[in-house]
Amino acid sequence: MSITETKGVLLVTLSLNDGDHPGSPSPPTIGQIMELAREKAGEVINREYIKDVLVSVNPNNTVTLAIVV
């Protein structure tokens, strides 16, 4: 997981292959990705400060979260 901060937005990139989605041979569903996004956003910053979370699924099997604070 990598975290970058820029002007009120935290960019969090995480892999779907490094234990965030273990043991599943098929790609994660949108629901699983959104649940992962909620979990990770809450780990990075206290949920009460989060205004919005935008999720981007990348072709290299990573997910980027833009957490607006």
C-alpha atoms as a PDB file:
ATOM      1  CA  MET A   1       0.000   0.000   0.000  1.00  0.00           C
ATOM      2  CA  SER A   2       1.339   3.436  -0.868  1.00  0.00           C
ATOM      3  CA  ILE A   3      -0.020   6.753   0.407  1.00  0.00           C
ATOM      4  CA  THR A   4       0.468  10.197  -1.147  1.00  0.00           C
ATOM      5  CA  GLU A   5      -0.945  13.436   0.291  1.00  0.00           C
ATOM      6  CA  THR A   6      -1.789  16.482  -1.803  1.00  0.00           C
ATOM      7  CA  LYS A   7      -3.984  19.491  -0.873  1.00  0.00           C
ATOM      8  CA  GLY A   8      -6.797  17.802   1.044  1.00  0.00           C
ATOM      9  CA  VAL A   9      -6.705  14.518  -0.876  1.00  0.00           C
ATOM     10  CA  LEU A  10      -4.936  11.340   0.165  1.00  0.00           C
ATOM     11  CA  LEU A  11      -4.133   8.973  -2.686  1.00  0.00           C
ATOM     12  CA  VAL A  12      -3.893   5.378  -1.530  1.00  0.00           C
ATOM     13  CA  THR A  13      -2.832   2.681  -3.978  1.00  0.00           C
ATOM     14  CA  LEU A  14      -3.115  -0.941  -2.980  1.00  0.00           C
ATOM     15  CA  SER A  15      -2.682  -4.223  -4.764  1.00  0.00           C
ATOM     16  CA  LEU A  16      -5.454  -6.758  -5.033  1.00  0.00           C
ATOM     17  CA  ASN A  17      -2.781  -9.484  -4.972  1.00  0.00           C
ATOM     18  CA  ASP A  18      -0.791  -8.797  -1.795  1.00  0.00           C
ATOM     19  CA  GLY A  19      -3.108 -10.198   0.853  1.00  0.00           C
ATOM     20  CA  ASP A  20      -5.888  -7.649   0.474  1.00  0.00           C
ATOM     21  CA  HIS A  21      -7.911 -10.200  -1.467  1.00  0.00           C
ATOM     22  CA  PRO A  22      -6.356 -13.542  -0.465  1.00  0.00           C
ATOM     23  CA  GLY A  23      -7.173 -16.963  -1.782  1.00  0.00           C
ATOM     24  CA  SER A  24      -9.579 -16.011  -4.529  1.00  0.00           C
ATOM     25  CA  PRO A  25      -8.793 -17.254  -8.034  1.00  0.00           C
ATOM     26  CA  SER A  26     -11.307 -14.918  -9.658  1.00  0.00           C
ATOM     27  CA  PRO A  27     -11.105 -11.119  -9.786  1.00  0.00           C
ATOM     28  CA  PRO A  28     -12.882  -9.306  -6.963  1.00  0.00           C
ATOM     29  CA  THR A  29     -16.383  -8.008  -7.518  1.00  0.00           C
ATOM     30  CA  ILE A  30     -17.218  -4.298  -7.388  1.00  0.00           C
ATOM     31  CA  GLY A  31     -18.820  -4.895  -3.984  1.00  0.00           C
ATOM     32  CA  GLN A  32     -15.620  -6.484  -2.662  1.00  0.00           C
ATOM     33  CA  ILE A  33     -13.552  -3.606  -4.029  1.00  0.00           C
ATOM     34  CA  MET A  34     -15.848  -1.037  -2.385  1.00  0.00           C
ATOM     35  CA  GLU A  35     -15.683  -2.886   0.945  1.00  0.00           C
ATOM     36  CA  LEU A  36     -11.886  -2.966   0.694  1.00  0.00           C
ATOM     37  CA  ALA A  37     -11.930   0.763  -0.089  1.00  0.00           C
ATOM     38  CA  ARG A  38     -14.023   1.518   3.004  1.00  0.00           C
ATOM     39  CA  GLU A  39     -11.744  -0.614   5.195  1.00  0.00           C
ATOM     40  CA  LYS A  40      -8.509   0.918   3.922  1.00  0.00           C
ATOM     41  CA  ALA A  41      -9.832   4.488   4.010  1.00  0.00           C
ATOM     42  CA  GLY A  42     -10.736   3.967   7.667  1.00  0.00           C
ATOM     43  CA  GLU A  43      -7.240   2.601   8.386  1.00  0.00           C
ATOM     44  CA  VAL A  44      -5.513   5.571   6.759  1.00  0.00           C
ATOM     45  CA  ILE A  45      -7.493   8.382   8.398  1.00  0.00           C
ATOM     46  CA  ASN A  46     -10.226   8.674  11.004  1.00  0.00           C
ATOM     47  CA  ARG A  47     -13.576   8.227   9.237  1.00  0.00           C
ATOM     48  CA  GLU A  48     -15.050  11.397  10.748  1.00  0.00           C
ATOM     49  CA  TYR A  49     -12.618  13.473   8.631  1.00  0.00           C
ATOM     50  CA  ILE A  50     -13.457  11.767   5.331  1.00  0.00           C
ATOM     51  CA  LYS A  51     -15.722  13.786   3.039  1.00  0.00           C
ATOM     52  CA  ASP A  52     -15.658  11.428   0.045  1.00  0.00           C
ATOM     53  CA  VAL A  53     -13.795   8.429  -1.361  1.00  0.00           C
ATOM     54  CA  LEU A  54     -13.316   7.966  -5.086  1.00  0.00           C
ATOM     55  CA  VAL A  55     -12.234   4.527  -6.270  1.00  0.00           C
ATOM     56  CA  SER A  56     -10.295   3.723  -9.434  1.00  0.00           C
ATOM     57  CA  VAL A  57      -9.615   0.141 -10.474  1.00  0.00           C
ATOM     58  CA  ASN A  58      -6.410   0.069 -12.499  1.00  0.00           C
ATOM     59  CA  PRO A  59      -5.458  -2.432 -15.220  1.00  0.00           C
ATOM     60  CA  ASN A  60      -2.388  -3.584 -13.257  1.00  0.00           C
ATOM     61  CA  ASN A  61      -4.662  -5.160 -10.606  1.00  0.00           C
ATOM     62  CA  THR A  62      -4.363  -2.263  -8.173  1.00  0.00           C
ATOM     63  CA  VAL A  63      -6.977   0.040  -6.730  1.00  0.00           C
ATOM     64  CA  THR A  64      -6.383   3.745  -6.148  1.00  0.00           C
ATOM     65  CA  LEU A  65      -8.482   5.519  -3.530  1.00  0.00           C
ATOM     66  CA  ALA A  66      -8.733   9.297  -3.583  1.00  0.00           C
ATOM     67  CA  ILE A  67      -9.786  10.142  -0.021  1.00  0.00           C
ATOM     68  CA  VAL A  68     -11.098  13.704   0.204  1.00  0.00           C
ATOM     69  CA  VAL A  69     -10.587  15.202   3.663  1.00  0.00           C
END
